[in-house]
Amino acid sequence: MAYATAAELRTQMNKTGTTESGSDANLTIVLDGVSQAIDRYFNRPNDWFVALAVATARLYPGSGKAYQHIEECIEISAVAVKDSPSDSSYTSWAATDYIKFTGDPRFPDFNSLPYTGIMIDPNGDYSVFTSGKYGGNLGRSVPTIQVTAKWGYAATCPPVIKQATLALAARWFKQGQGAWSDTLASADFGGLIYQKMNSDIRLMLENTRFHKPALGVR
């Protein structure tokens, strides 16, 4: 999922032509690569800054507690839970059985996106999310929770991520024109320009709080 378009990159580089090297197809390849690199920098190999438009189901081993950590999402449409780890089917919960939140379940934030967890509603019909631990001392966990949601960080790309994508893509494109050499000769400056990560781009990425939290912490 690219976080900017070829047209946006062309505008950023003040490039109006559509030569073979600067064609939309080639610019899109660069944008795809930069976007994937940014995803991996922020621990997002499978979830992106822009959430998918269609909700899909994901499975989790239940925590056995009154809260359940899930991956980042902007909307939860359904929650279903097995009554026992050995069951083959899930029981759908009503929307009044759980509460969506983000952050620490001891001090949850109910007003911000993305959601990173669900907790038992005190007025609901359940007290815990069925534990996924199964098989005694075998140490395995099986799926007992099914959450259907629009997975991802936000409905639209955060502005700083879009700008970092465009800035880095412009640099990659120019480096590609120079056969990816470490240095490029510049007729304008009469010297060599060393191709290192620009401090402004690094600032865009390092001073954000976009790292995806890891699951598995109970």
N, C-alpha and C. Protein backbone atom coordinates (compact mmCIF):
# COMPACT_ATOMS: atom_id res chain seq x y z
N MET A 1 0.85 -1.19 0.00
CA MET A 1 0.00 0.00 0.00
C MET A 1 0.89 1.24 0.00
N ALA A 2 0.89 1.98 -1.11
CA ALA A 2 1.70 3.19 -1.21
C ALA A 2 1.01 4.34 -0.49
N TYR A 3 1.79 5.15 0.21
CA TYR A 3 1.23 6.25 0.99
C TYR A 3 1.21 7.57 0.22
N ALA A 4 1.54 7.55 -1.05
CA ALA A 4 1.45 8.73 -1.89
C ALA A 4 1.30 8.25 -3.33
N THR A 5 0.86 9.14 -4.19
CA THR A 5 0.65 8.79 -5.60
C THR A 5 1.79 9.31 -6.45
N ALA A 6 1.86 8.77 -7.67
CA ALA A 6 2.88 9.24 -8.61
C ALA A 6 2.69 10.72 -8.92
N ALA A 7 1.45 11.16 -9.01
CA ALA A 7 1.17 12.57 -9.29
C ALA A 7 1.68 13.46 -8.15
N GLU A 8 1.49 13.02 -6.90
CA GLU A 8 1.99 13.78 -5.76
C GLU A 8 3.51 13.84 -5.76
N LEU A 9 4.15 12.73 -6.11
CA LEU A 9 5.61 12.70 -6.16
C LEU A 9 6.12 13.60 -7.27
N ARG A 10 5.44 13.59 -8.39
CA ARG A 10 5.85 14.43 -9.51
C ARG A 10 5.77 15.91 -9.12
N THR A 11 4.71 16.27 -8.39
CA THR A 11 4.57 17.65 -7.92
C THR A 11 5.67 17.99 -6.92
N GLN A 12 5.98 17.05 -6.00
CA GLN A 12 7.01 17.29 -5.00
C GLN A 12 8.37 17.53 -5.64
N MET A 13 8.63 16.85 -6.74
CA MET A 13 9.92 17.00 -7.42
C MET A 13 9.88 18.09 -8.49
N ASN A 14 8.71 18.75 -8.62
CA ASN A 14 8.53 19.78 -9.64
C ASN A 14 8.85 19.23 -11.02
N LYS A 15 8.33 18.03 -11.24
CA LYS A 15 8.62 17.30 -12.47
C LYS A 15 7.33 17.15 -13.26
N THR A 16 7.28 17.73 -14.45
CA THR A 16 6.05 17.71 -15.23
C THR A 16 6.10 16.70 -16.38
N GLY A 17 7.27 16.28 -16.78
CA GLY A 17 7.38 15.36 -17.91
C GLY A 17 7.01 13.93 -17.53
N THR A 18 6.83 13.12 -18.51
CA THR A 18 6.51 11.70 -18.29
C THR A 18 7.46 10.84 -19.11
N THR A 19 8.76 11.13 -18.97
CA THR A 19 9.75 10.33 -19.69
C THR A 19 9.73 8.92 -19.15
N GLU A 20 10.42 8.04 -19.84
CA GLU A 20 10.41 6.63 -19.45
C GLU A 20 10.87 6.43 -18.01
N SER A 21 11.98 7.12 -17.63
CA SER A 21 12.48 6.94 -16.26
C SER A 21 11.56 7.56 -15.22
N GLY A 22 10.85 8.63 -15.62
CA GLY A 22 9.95 9.29 -14.69
C GLY A 22 8.49 9.00 -14.93
N SER A 23 8.21 7.88 -15.56
CA SER A 23 6.82 7.52 -15.85
C SER A 23 6.09 7.17 -14.56
N ASP A 24 4.78 7.21 -14.61
CA ASP A 24 3.98 6.87 -13.44
C ASP A 24 4.30 5.45 -12.95
N ALA A 25 4.53 4.55 -13.89
CA ALA A 25 4.83 3.16 -13.52
C ALA A 25 6.12 3.09 -12.70
N ASN A 26 7.16 3.80 -13.13
CA ASN A 26 8.43 3.77 -12.41
C ASN A 26 8.34 4.50 -11.08
N LEU A 27 7.65 5.63 -11.06
CA LEU A 27 7.48 6.35 -9.80
C LEU A 27 6.68 5.53 -8.80
N THR A 28 5.70 4.78 -9.28
CA THR A 28 4.90 3.93 -8.39
C THR A 28 5.74 2.82 -7.78
N ILE A 29 6.67 2.28 -8.56
CA ILE A 29 7.58 1.25 -8.02
C ILE A 29 8.39 1.82 -6.87
N VAL A 30 8.91 3.03 -7.03
CA VAL A 30 9.68 3.67 -5.96
C VAL A 30 8.79 3.92 -4.75
N LEU A 31 7.59 4.43 -4.96
CA LEU A 31 6.67 4.72 -3.86
C LEU A 31 6.29 3.44 -3.11
N ASP A 32 6.07 2.36 -3.84
CA ASP A 32 5.75 1.08 -3.19
C ASP A 32 6.90 0.62 -2.31
N GLY A 33 8.13 0.74 -2.83
CA GLY A 33 9.29 0.31 -2.05
C GLY A 33 9.50 1.15 -0.81
N VAL A 34 9.36 2.48 -0.94
CA VAL A 34 9.52 3.36 0.21
C VAL A 34 8.44 3.09 1.25
N SER A 35 7.20 2.91 0.80
CA SER A 35 6.10 2.66 1.72
C SER A 35 6.32 1.36 2.50
N GLN A 36 6.79 0.33 1.81
CA GLN A 36 7.07 -0.94 2.49
C GLN A 36 8.21 -0.77 3.49
N ALA A 37 9.24 0.00 3.13
CA ALA A 37 10.36 0.23 4.05
C ALA A 37 9.88 0.95 5.30
N ILE A 38 8.99 1.93 5.14
CA ILE A 38 8.46 2.65 6.29
C ILE A 38 7.60 1.73 7.15
N ASP A 39 6.81 0.87 6.52
CA ASP A 39 6.00 -0.10 7.28
C ASP A 39 6.88 -0.98 8.15
N ARG A 40 7.96 -1.45 7.60
CA ARG A 40 8.84 -2.34 8.36
C ARG A 40 9.62 -1.58 9.42
N TYR A 41 9.93 -0.33 9.17
CA TYR A 41 10.60 0.50 10.17
C TYR A 41 9.73 0.63 11.41
N PHE A 42 8.42 0.70 11.21
CA PHE A 42 7.48 0.86 12.31
C PHE A 42 6.80 -0.45 12.72
N ASN A 43 7.40 -1.60 12.36
CA ASN A 43 6.88 -2.90 12.75
C ASN A 43 5.48 -3.13 12.22
N ARG A 44 5.28 -2.83 10.93
CA ARG A 44 3.97 -3.00 10.32
C ARG A 44 4.07 -3.82 9.03
N PRO A 45 4.57 -5.04 9.08
CA PRO A 45 4.69 -5.81 7.84
C PRO A 45 3.35 -6.23 7.26
N ASN A 46 2.31 -6.32 8.10
CA ASN A 46 1.00 -6.79 7.63
C ASN A 46 -0.13 -5.82 7.91
N ASP A 47 0.12 -4.79 8.70
CA ASP A 47 -0.88 -3.77 8.99
C ASP A 47 -0.30 -2.42 8.62
N TRP A 48 -1.14 -1.57 8.05
CA TRP A 48 -0.62 -0.36 7.43
C TRP A 48 -1.14 0.88 8.13
N PHE A 49 -0.60 2.01 7.75
CA PHE A 49 -1.08 3.26 8.32
C PHE A 49 -2.49 3.59 7.85
N VAL A 50 -2.86 3.16 6.66
CA VAL A 50 -4.21 3.36 6.16
C VAL A 50 -4.97 2.05 6.29
N ALA A 51 -6.05 2.09 7.06
CA ALA A 51 -6.82 0.87 7.31
C ALA A 51 -7.56 0.44 6.05
N LEU A 52 -7.76 -0.85 5.92
CA LEU A 52 -8.52 -1.37 4.80
C LEU A 52 -9.98 -0.94 4.91
N ALA A 53 -10.62 -0.76 3.76
CA ALA A 53 -12.00 -0.28 3.74
C ALA A 53 -12.99 -1.34 4.17
N VAL A 54 -12.60 -2.61 4.05
CA VAL A 54 -13.51 -3.71 4.36
C VAL A 54 -13.04 -4.42 5.63
N ALA A 55 -13.97 -4.67 6.55
CA ALA A 55 -13.65 -5.37 7.79
C ALA A 55 -13.40 -6.85 7.51
N THR A 56 -12.38 -7.41 8.17
CA THR A 56 -12.07 -8.82 8.04
C THR A 56 -11.88 -9.42 9.44
N ALA A 57 -11.99 -10.74 9.53
CA ALA A 57 -11.90 -11.42 10.82
C ALA A 57 -10.47 -11.88 11.09
N ARG A 58 -10.04 -11.74 12.35
CA ARG A 58 -8.75 -12.26 12.79
C ARG A 58 -8.96 -13.05 14.07
N LEU A 59 -8.09 -14.04 14.26
CA LEU A 59 -8.20 -14.93 15.41
C LEU A 59 -7.09 -14.66 16.41
N TYR A 60 -7.42 -14.82 17.70
CA TYR A 60 -6.46 -14.62 18.77
C TYR A 60 -6.65 -15.68 19.85
N PRO A 61 -5.56 -16.10 20.50
CA PRO A 61 -5.71 -16.92 21.70
C PRO A 61 -6.22 -16.04 22.84
N GLY A 62 -7.27 -16.45 23.49
CA GLY A 62 -7.86 -15.63 24.53
C GLY A 62 -6.93 -15.44 25.71
N SER A 63 -7.06 -14.30 26.37
CA SER A 63 -6.19 -13.96 27.50
C SER A 63 -6.61 -14.64 28.79
N GLY A 64 -7.88 -15.07 28.89
CA GLY A 64 -8.38 -15.61 30.14
C GLY A 64 -8.63 -14.51 31.17
N LYS A 65 -8.59 -13.25 30.72
CA LYS A 65 -8.78 -12.11 31.61
C LYS A 65 -9.96 -11.27 31.15
N ALA A 66 -10.18 -10.17 31.82
CA ALA A 66 -11.30 -9.29 31.49
C ALA A 66 -10.97 -8.34 30.35
N TYR A 67 -9.78 -8.48 29.77
CA TYR A 67 -9.41 -7.66 28.61
C TYR A 67 -8.64 -8.52 27.62
N GLN A 68 -8.62 -8.07 26.38
CA GLN A 68 -7.97 -8.81 25.31
C GLN A 68 -7.23 -7.83 24.41
N HIS A 69 -5.91 -8.02 24.27
CA HIS A 69 -5.15 -7.19 23.33
C HIS A 69 -5.41 -7.66 21.91
N ILE A 70 -5.57 -6.70 21.01
CA ILE A 70 -5.73 -7.00 19.59
C ILE A 70 -4.82 -6.07 18.80
N GLU A 71 -4.74 -6.29 17.50
CA GLU A 71 -3.94 -5.41 16.66
C GLU A 71 -4.70 -4.12 16.38
N GLU A 72 -3.98 -3.11 15.91
CA GLU A 72 -4.58 -1.80 15.70
C GLU A 72 -5.72 -1.86 14.68
N CYS A 73 -6.80 -1.17 14.99
CA CYS A 73 -7.93 -1.09 14.07
C CYS A 73 -8.70 0.21 14.33
N ILE A 74 -9.47 0.63 13.34
CA ILE A 74 -10.23 1.87 13.49
C ILE A 74 -11.71 1.62 13.72
N GLU A 75 -12.13 0.38 13.55
CA GLU A 75 -13.55 0.06 13.74
C GLU A 75 -13.68 -1.43 14.01
N ILE A 76 -14.49 -1.79 14.99
CA ILE A 76 -14.76 -3.20 15.31
C ILE A 76 -16.24 -3.46 15.06
N SER A 77 -16.52 -4.41 14.20
CA SER A 77 -17.91 -4.69 13.85
C SER A 77 -18.47 -5.94 14.52
N ALA A 78 -17.58 -6.84 14.97
CA ALA A 78 -18.09 -8.06 15.60
C ALA A 78 -17.02 -8.72 16.46
N VAL A 79 -17.45 -9.32 17.56
CA VAL A 79 -16.59 -10.11 18.43
C VAL A 79 -17.29 -11.43 18.71
N ALA A 80 -16.58 -12.53 18.54
CA ALA A 80 -17.13 -13.85 18.83
C ALA A 80 -16.09 -14.63 19.63
N VAL A 81 -16.57 -15.41 20.60
CA VAL A 81 -15.67 -16.09 21.54
C VAL A 81 -16.11 -17.54 21.71
N LYS A 82 -15.14 -18.44 21.77
CA LYS A 82 -15.45 -19.84 22.09
C LYS A 82 -15.72 -19.97 23.59
N ASP A 83 -16.67 -20.80 23.95
CA ASP A 83 -16.96 -21.03 25.36
C ASP A 83 -15.89 -21.91 26.00
N SER A 84 -15.19 -22.70 25.16
CA SER A 84 -14.12 -23.57 25.62
C SER A 84 -13.07 -23.67 24.52
N PRO A 85 -11.79 -23.81 24.86
CA PRO A 85 -10.77 -23.93 23.82
C PRO A 85 -10.99 -25.09 22.86
N SER A 86 -11.68 -26.13 23.31
CA SER A 86 -11.90 -27.30 22.46
C SER A 86 -13.13 -27.18 21.57
N ASP A 87 -13.90 -26.11 21.73
CA ASP A 87 -15.09 -25.92 20.89
C ASP A 87 -14.69 -25.68 19.44
N SER A 88 -15.56 -26.05 18.52
CA SER A 88 -15.30 -25.84 17.10
C SER A 88 -16.00 -24.61 16.56
N SER A 89 -16.87 -24.00 17.34
CA SER A 89 -17.61 -22.84 16.88
C SER A 89 -17.51 -21.69 17.88
N TYR A 90 -17.77 -20.50 17.39
CA TYR A 90 -17.71 -19.29 18.20
C TYR A 90 -19.11 -18.79 18.53
N THR A 91 -19.25 -18.18 19.69
CA THR A 91 -20.51 -17.54 20.08
C THR A 91 -20.38 -16.04 19.88
N SER A 92 -21.28 -15.48 19.11
CA SER A 92 -21.23 -14.04 18.85
C SER A 92 -21.64 -13.26 20.09
N TRP A 93 -20.88 -12.24 20.40
CA TRP A 93 -21.19 -11.37 21.53
C TRP A 93 -21.95 -10.15 21.03
N ALA A 94 -22.81 -9.63 21.90
CA ALA A 94 -23.50 -8.39 21.59
C ALA A 94 -22.53 -7.22 21.77
N ALA A 95 -22.82 -6.11 21.11
CA ALA A 95 -21.95 -4.93 21.24
C ALA A 95 -21.91 -4.42 22.67
N THR A 96 -22.92 -4.78 23.47
CA THR A 96 -22.96 -4.36 24.88
C THR A 96 -22.16 -5.28 25.80
N ASP A 97 -21.53 -6.30 25.24
CA ASP A 97 -20.74 -7.24 26.06
C ASP A 97 -19.28 -6.82 26.18
N TYR A 98 -18.84 -5.90 25.33
CA TYR A 98 -17.43 -5.50 25.35
C TYR A 98 -17.30 -4.00 25.11
N ILE A 99 -16.15 -3.47 25.48
CA ILE A 99 -15.84 -2.06 25.30
C ILE A 99 -14.51 -1.95 24.56
N LYS A 100 -14.46 -1.11 23.55
CA LYS A 100 -13.23 -0.90 22.78
C LYS A 100 -12.37 0.15 23.47
N PHE A 101 -11.04 -0.07 23.43
CA PHE A 101 -10.14 0.90 24.06
C PHE A 101 -8.78 0.86 23.38
N THR A 102 -7.94 1.81 23.77
CA THR A 102 -6.55 1.80 23.34
C THR A 102 -5.67 2.06 24.55
N GLY A 103 -4.42 1.57 24.50
CA GLY A 103 -3.49 1.80 25.60
C GLY A 103 -3.54 0.71 26.66
N ASP A 104 -3.12 1.08 27.86
CA ASP A 104 -3.05 0.17 29.00
C ASP A 104 -4.45 -0.12 29.52
N PRO A 105 -4.84 -1.39 29.65
CA PRO A 105 -6.19 -1.69 30.15
C PRO A 105 -6.45 -1.21 31.58
N ARG A 106 -5.38 -0.95 32.34
CA ARG A 106 -5.57 -0.42 33.70
C ARG A 106 -5.91 1.06 33.66
N PHE A 107 -5.42 1.76 32.63
CA PHE A 107 -5.70 3.18 32.45
C PHE A 107 -6.09 3.40 30.99
N PRO A 108 -7.20 2.82 30.55
CA PRO A 108 -7.54 2.81 29.12
C PRO A 108 -7.99 4.17 28.60
N ASP A 109 -7.79 4.34 27.30
CA ASP A 109 -8.28 5.50 26.59
C ASP A 109 -9.42 5.04 25.70
N PHE A 110 -10.61 5.53 25.96
CA PHE A 110 -11.79 5.11 25.20
C PHE A 110 -12.13 6.06 24.05
N ASN A 111 -11.35 7.12 23.90
CA ASN A 111 -11.72 8.18 22.97
C ASN A 111 -10.79 8.33 21.78
N SER A 112 -9.70 7.59 21.75
CA SER A 112 -8.71 7.76 20.68
C SER A 112 -8.63 6.52 19.81
N LEU A 113 -8.25 6.74 18.57
CA LEU A 113 -7.97 5.67 17.62
C LEU A 113 -6.47 5.63 17.36
N PRO A 114 -5.95 4.45 16.98
CA PRO A 114 -6.66 3.19 16.74
C PRO A 114 -6.93 2.43 18.04
N TYR A 115 -7.93 1.56 17.99
CA TYR A 115 -8.18 0.67 19.12
C TYR A 115 -7.10 -0.41 19.16
N THR A 116 -6.69 -0.77 20.37
CA THR A 116 -5.69 -1.84 20.52
C THR A 116 -6.16 -2.92 21.49
N GLY A 117 -7.40 -2.83 21.94
CA GLY A 117 -7.89 -3.85 22.86
C GLY A 117 -9.40 -3.76 23.06
N ILE A 118 -9.94 -4.81 23.63
CA ILE A 118 -11.35 -4.86 24.03
C ILE A 118 -11.40 -5.38 25.45
N MET A 119 -12.36 -4.89 26.21
CA MET A 119 -12.52 -5.33 27.60
C MET A 119 -13.97 -5.69 27.87
N ILE A 120 -14.16 -6.50 28.91
CA ILE A 120 -15.50 -6.92 29.28
C ILE A 120 -16.30 -5.73 29.79
N ASP A 121 -17.51 -5.57 29.29
CA ASP A 121 -18.42 -4.55 29.82
C ASP A 121 -19.00 -5.09 31.13
N PRO A 122 -18.90 -4.34 32.22
CA PRO A 122 -19.42 -4.83 33.51
C PRO A 122 -20.90 -5.19 33.46
N ASN A 123 -21.65 -4.60 32.53
CA ASN A 123 -23.07 -4.89 32.43
C ASN A 123 -23.39 -5.95 31.38
N GLY A 124 -22.34 -6.55 30.81
CA GLY A 124 -22.55 -7.57 29.79
C GLY A 124 -22.80 -8.95 30.39
N ASP A 125 -22.83 -9.94 29.52
CA ASP A 125 -23.16 -11.31 29.93
C ASP A 125 -21.94 -12.17 30.22
N TYR A 126 -20.72 -11.61 30.13
CA TYR A 126 -19.52 -12.42 30.30
C TYR A 126 -18.57 -11.76 31.30
N SER A 127 -17.66 -12.58 31.83
CA SER A 127 -16.73 -12.07 32.84
C SER A 127 -15.27 -12.09 32.36
N VAL A 128 -14.94 -12.99 31.43
CA VAL A 128 -13.57 -13.07 30.90
C VAL A 128 -13.61 -13.49 29.44
N PHE A 129 -12.49 -13.26 28.76
CA PHE A 129 -12.29 -13.80 27.42
C PHE A 129 -11.69 -15.20 27.58
N THR A 130 -12.35 -16.20 27.04
CA THR A 130 -11.93 -17.58 27.22
C THR A 130 -10.45 -17.76 26.91
N SER A 131 -9.73 -18.35 27.85
CA SER A 131 -8.29 -18.55 27.66
C SER A 131 -8.03 -19.49 26.49
N GLY A 132 -6.97 -19.17 25.74
CA GLY A 132 -6.59 -20.02 24.62
C GLY A 132 -5.62 -21.11 25.01
N LYS A 133 -5.19 -21.15 26.28
CA LYS A 133 -4.25 -22.19 26.71
C LYS A 133 -4.93 -23.56 26.64
N TYR A 134 -4.18 -24.51 26.09
CA TYR A 134 -4.80 -25.81 25.83
C TYR A 134 -3.75 -26.91 25.91
N GLY A 135 -4.13 -28.01 26.45
CA GLY A 135 -3.25 -29.17 26.45
C GLY A 135 -2.37 -29.29 27.66
N GLY A 136 -2.78 -28.75 28.79
CA GLY A 136 -2.02 -28.92 30.03
C GLY A 136 -0.63 -28.32 29.94
N ASN A 137 0.41 -29.18 30.12
CA ASN A 137 1.79 -28.70 30.15
C ASN A 137 2.44 -28.62 28.77
N LEU A 138 1.65 -28.82 27.73
CA LEU A 138 2.22 -28.79 26.38
C LEU A 138 2.60 -27.38 25.96
N GLY A 139 2.07 -26.39 26.65
CA GLY A 139 2.48 -25.02 26.40
C GLY A 139 2.01 -24.43 25.09
N ARG A 140 0.86 -24.83 24.60
CA ARG A 140 0.36 -24.26 23.36
C ARG A 140 -0.90 -23.44 23.63
N SER A 141 -1.19 -22.53 22.73
CA SER A 141 -2.41 -21.74 22.81
C SER A 141 -3.15 -21.86 21.48
N VAL A 142 -4.46 -21.96 21.55
CA VAL A 142 -5.29 -22.10 20.36
C VAL A 142 -6.20 -20.88 20.26
N PRO A 143 -6.71 -20.59 19.07
CA PRO A 143 -7.58 -19.42 18.93
C PRO A 143 -8.92 -19.63 19.63
N THR A 144 -9.30 -18.65 20.43
CA THR A 144 -10.61 -18.67 21.08
C THR A 144 -11.37 -17.35 20.89
N ILE A 145 -10.71 -16.37 20.29
CA ILE A 145 -11.32 -15.06 20.07
C ILE A 145 -11.30 -14.74 18.58
N GLN A 146 -12.43 -14.30 18.06
CA GLN A 146 -12.52 -13.86 16.67
C GLN A 146 -13.02 -12.42 16.64
N VAL A 147 -12.21 -11.54 16.09
CA VAL A 147 -12.56 -10.12 16.02
C VAL A 147 -12.63 -9.70 14.55
N THR A 148 -13.74 -9.11 14.17
CA THR A 148 -13.92 -8.60 12.81
C THR A 148 -13.80 -7.08 12.87
N ALA A 149 -12.84 -6.54 12.13
CA ALA A 149 -12.54 -5.11 12.24
C ALA A 149 -11.91 -4.59 10.96
N LYS A 150 -11.82 -3.27 10.89
CA LYS A 150 -11.05 -2.61 9.84
C LYS A 150 -9.66 -2.38 10.40
N TRP A 151 -8.72 -3.24 10.03
CA TRP A 151 -7.39 -3.24 10.63
C TRP A 151 -6.50 -2.18 10.01
N GLY A 152 -5.79 -1.46 10.85
CA GLY A 152 -4.88 -0.43 10.39
C GLY A 152 -4.85 0.74 11.37
N TYR A 153 -4.00 1.71 11.08
CA TYR A 153 -3.76 2.80 12.02
C TYR A 153 -4.81 3.90 11.94
N ALA A 154 -5.19 4.30 10.72
CA ALA A 154 -6.11 5.42 10.56
C ALA A 154 -6.87 5.29 9.24
N ALA A 155 -7.94 6.06 9.12
CA ALA A 155 -8.73 6.02 7.88
C ALA A 155 -7.98 6.68 6.73
N THR A 156 -7.14 7.67 7.03
CA THR A 156 -6.33 8.34 6.02
C THR A 156 -4.88 8.37 6.48
N CYS A 157 -3.98 8.54 5.55
CA CYS A 157 -2.55 8.51 5.88
C CYS A 157 -2.17 9.72 6.73
N PRO A 158 -1.48 9.52 7.86
CA PRO A 158 -1.00 10.66 8.65
C PRO A 158 -0.13 11.56 7.79
N PRO A 159 -0.31 12.88 7.87
CA PRO A 159 0.44 13.81 7.00
C PRO A 159 1.95 13.62 7.06
N VAL A 160 2.51 13.36 8.25
CA VAL A 160 3.96 13.23 8.35
C VAL A 160 4.45 11.98 7.64
N ILE A 161 3.64 10.92 7.62
CA ILE A 161 4.02 9.69 6.90
C ILE A 161 3.97 9.94 5.40
N LYS A 162 2.95 10.65 4.93
CA LYS A 162 2.88 10.97 3.50
C LYS A 162 4.08 11.80 3.07
N GLN A 163 4.42 12.82 3.88
CA GLN A 163 5.54 13.69 3.51
C GLN A 163 6.86 12.93 3.55
N ALA A 164 7.05 12.07 4.55
CA ALA A 164 8.27 11.27 4.61
C ALA A 164 8.36 10.34 3.41
N THR A 165 7.23 9.78 3.00
CA THR A 165 7.20 8.90 1.83
C THR A 165 7.62 9.66 0.58
N LEU A 166 7.06 10.85 0.38
CA LEU A 166 7.40 11.64 -0.80
C LEU A 166 8.87 12.07 -0.79
N ALA A 167 9.35 12.52 0.37
CA ALA A 167 10.73 12.99 0.46
C ALA A 167 11.72 11.86 0.20
N LEU A 168 11.48 10.71 0.81
CA LEU A 168 12.39 9.59 0.63
C LEU A 168 12.29 9.02 -0.78
N ALA A 169 11.08 9.00 -1.34
CA ALA A 169 10.90 8.50 -2.70
C ALA A 169 11.63 9.39 -3.70
N ALA A 170 11.61 10.71 -3.48
CA ALA A 170 12.32 11.62 -4.37
C ALA A 170 13.82 11.34 -4.33
N ARG A 171 14.35 11.07 -3.14
CA ARG A 171 15.78 10.78 -3.01
C ARG A 171 16.11 9.43 -3.66
N TRP A 172 15.28 8.45 -3.45
CA TRP A 172 15.52 7.14 -4.06
C TRP A 172 15.48 7.25 -5.58
N PHE A 173 14.53 8.02 -6.08
CA PHE A 173 14.41 8.18 -7.54
C PHE A 173 15.68 8.80 -8.12
N LYS A 174 16.19 9.86 -7.47
CA LYS A 174 17.40 10.50 -7.97
C LYS A 174 18.62 9.59 -7.82
N GLN A 175 18.69 8.85 -6.73
CA GLN A 175 19.79 7.90 -6.58
C GLN A 175 19.72 6.81 -7.64
N GLY A 176 18.50 6.39 -7.97
CA GLY A 176 18.34 5.38 -9.01
C GLY A 176 18.84 5.89 -10.35
N GLN A 177 18.61 7.18 -10.63
CA GLN A 177 19.11 7.75 -11.87
C GLN A 177 20.64 7.78 -11.89
N GLY A 178 21.26 7.79 -10.70
CA GLY A 178 22.72 7.75 -10.60
C GLY A 178 23.25 6.35 -10.36
N ALA A 179 22.48 5.34 -10.78
CA ALA A 179 22.89 3.93 -10.65
C ALA A 179 23.15 3.54 -9.19
N TRP A 180 22.46 4.20 -8.27
CA TRP A 180 22.54 3.89 -6.84
C TRP A 180 23.95 4.01 -6.29
N SER A 181 24.72 4.92 -6.84
CA SER A 181 26.06 5.15 -6.32
C SER A 181 25.99 5.88 -4.99
N ASP A 182 27.06 5.74 -4.20
CA ASP A 182 27.09 6.40 -2.90
C ASP A 182 27.23 7.91 -3.02
N THR A 183 27.83 8.36 -4.12
CA THR A 183 28.01 9.80 -4.34
C THR A 183 27.57 10.15 -5.74
N LEU A 184 27.17 11.40 -5.91
CA LEU A 184 26.76 11.88 -7.22
C LEU A 184 27.49 13.16 -7.55
N ALA A 185 27.97 13.27 -8.76
CA ALA A 185 28.59 14.52 -9.20
C ALA A 185 27.51 15.55 -9.48
N SER A 186 27.78 16.79 -9.08
CA SER A 186 26.82 17.86 -9.25
C SER A 186 27.44 18.99 -10.04
N ALA A 187 26.89 19.27 -11.23
CA ALA A 187 27.39 20.39 -12.03
C ALA A 187 27.06 21.72 -11.36
N ASP A 188 25.97 21.76 -10.63
CA ASP A 188 25.54 23.00 -9.98
C ASP A 188 26.49 23.39 -8.85
N PHE A 189 26.93 22.39 -8.07
CA PHE A 189 27.75 22.69 -6.90
C PHE A 189 29.24 22.40 -7.13
N GLY A 190 29.54 21.77 -8.26
CA GLY A 190 30.94 21.52 -8.61
C GLY A 190 31.62 20.55 -7.68
N GLY A 191 30.91 19.60 -7.13
CA GLY A 191 31.51 18.66 -6.20
C GLY A 191 30.73 17.38 -6.14
N LEU A 192 30.93 16.64 -5.06
CA LEU A 192 30.24 15.37 -4.86
C LEU A 192 29.24 15.51 -3.72
N ILE A 193 28.05 15.00 -3.93
CA ILE A 193 27.02 15.02 -2.90
C ILE A 193 26.91 13.61 -2.33
N TYR A 194 27.21 13.45 -1.05
CA TYR A 194 27.12 12.13 -0.43
C TYR A 194 25.68 11.80 -0.11
N GLN A 195 25.23 10.64 -0.55
CA GLN A 195 23.84 10.25 -0.39
C GLN A 195 23.62 9.54 0.94
N LYS A 196 23.36 10.33 1.98
CA LYS A 196 23.02 9.78 3.28
C LYS A 196 21.58 10.13 3.62
N MET A 197 21.04 9.46 4.62
CA MET A 197 19.68 9.76 5.03
C MET A 197 19.58 11.21 5.48
N ASN A 198 18.72 11.96 4.83
CA ASN A 198 18.54 13.36 5.18
C ASN A 198 18.04 13.49 6.62
N SER A 199 18.59 14.47 7.36
CA SER A 199 18.23 14.63 8.77
C SER A 199 16.76 14.95 8.95
N ASP A 200 16.17 15.69 8.00
CA ASP A 200 14.76 16.03 8.10
C ASP A 200 13.88 14.80 7.93
N ILE A 201 14.26 13.92 6.99
CA ILE A 201 13.50 12.68 6.82
C ILE A 201 13.63 11.81 8.06
N ARG A 202 14.85 11.72 8.60
CA ARG A 202 15.05 10.94 9.81
C ARG A 202 14.21 11.51 10.96
N LEU A 203 14.13 12.83 11.03
CA LEU A 203 13.33 13.46 12.07
C LEU A 203 11.85 13.12 11.91
N MET A 204 11.38 13.11 10.68
CA MET A 204 9.99 12.77 10.42
C MET A 204 9.64 11.39 10.99
N LEU A 205 10.58 10.46 10.84
CA LEU A 205 10.31 9.08 11.22
C LEU A 205 10.61 8.81 12.70
N GLU A 206 11.76 9.28 13.17
CA GLU A 206 12.21 8.91 14.51
C GLU A 206 11.46 9.63 15.62
N ASN A 207 10.97 10.83 15.36
CA ASN A 207 10.31 11.60 16.40
C ASN A 207 8.80 11.43 16.41
N THR A 208 8.32 10.38 15.77
CA THR A 208 6.90 10.07 15.81
C THR A 208 6.66 8.94 16.82
N ARG A 209 5.38 8.65 17.05
CA ARG A 209 5.02 7.54 17.94
C ARG A 209 4.16 6.54 17.18
N PHE A 210 4.65 6.19 15.99
CA PHE A 210 3.88 5.33 15.12
C PHE A 210 4.28 3.87 15.19
N HIS A 211 5.23 3.51 16.05
CA HIS A 211 5.62 2.09 16.14
C HIS A 211 4.43 1.25 16.61
N LYS A 212 4.19 0.19 15.90
CA LYS A 212 3.07 -0.69 16.25
C LYS A 212 3.43 -1.50 17.49
N PRO A 213 2.57 -1.51 18.52
CA PRO A 213 2.85 -2.30 19.71
C PRO A 213 2.84 -3.78 19.41
N ALA A 214 3.73 -4.51 20.06
CA ALA A 214 3.79 -5.96 19.87
C ALA A 214 2.75 -6.65 20.75
N LEU A 215 2.11 -7.67 20.20
CA LEU A 215 1.14 -8.45 20.97
C LEU A 215 1.87 -9.51 21.78
N GLY A 216 1.17 -10.13 22.69
CA GLY A 216 1.75 -11.22 23.48
C GLY A 216 2.05 -10.82 24.89
N VAL A 217 2.01 -9.53 25.21
CA VAL A 217 2.24 -9.09 26.58
C VAL A 217 0.96 -9.15 27.34
N ARG A 218 0.94 -9.86 28.41
CA ARG A 218 -0.30 -10.04 29.18
C ARG A 218 -0.30 -9.15 30.41
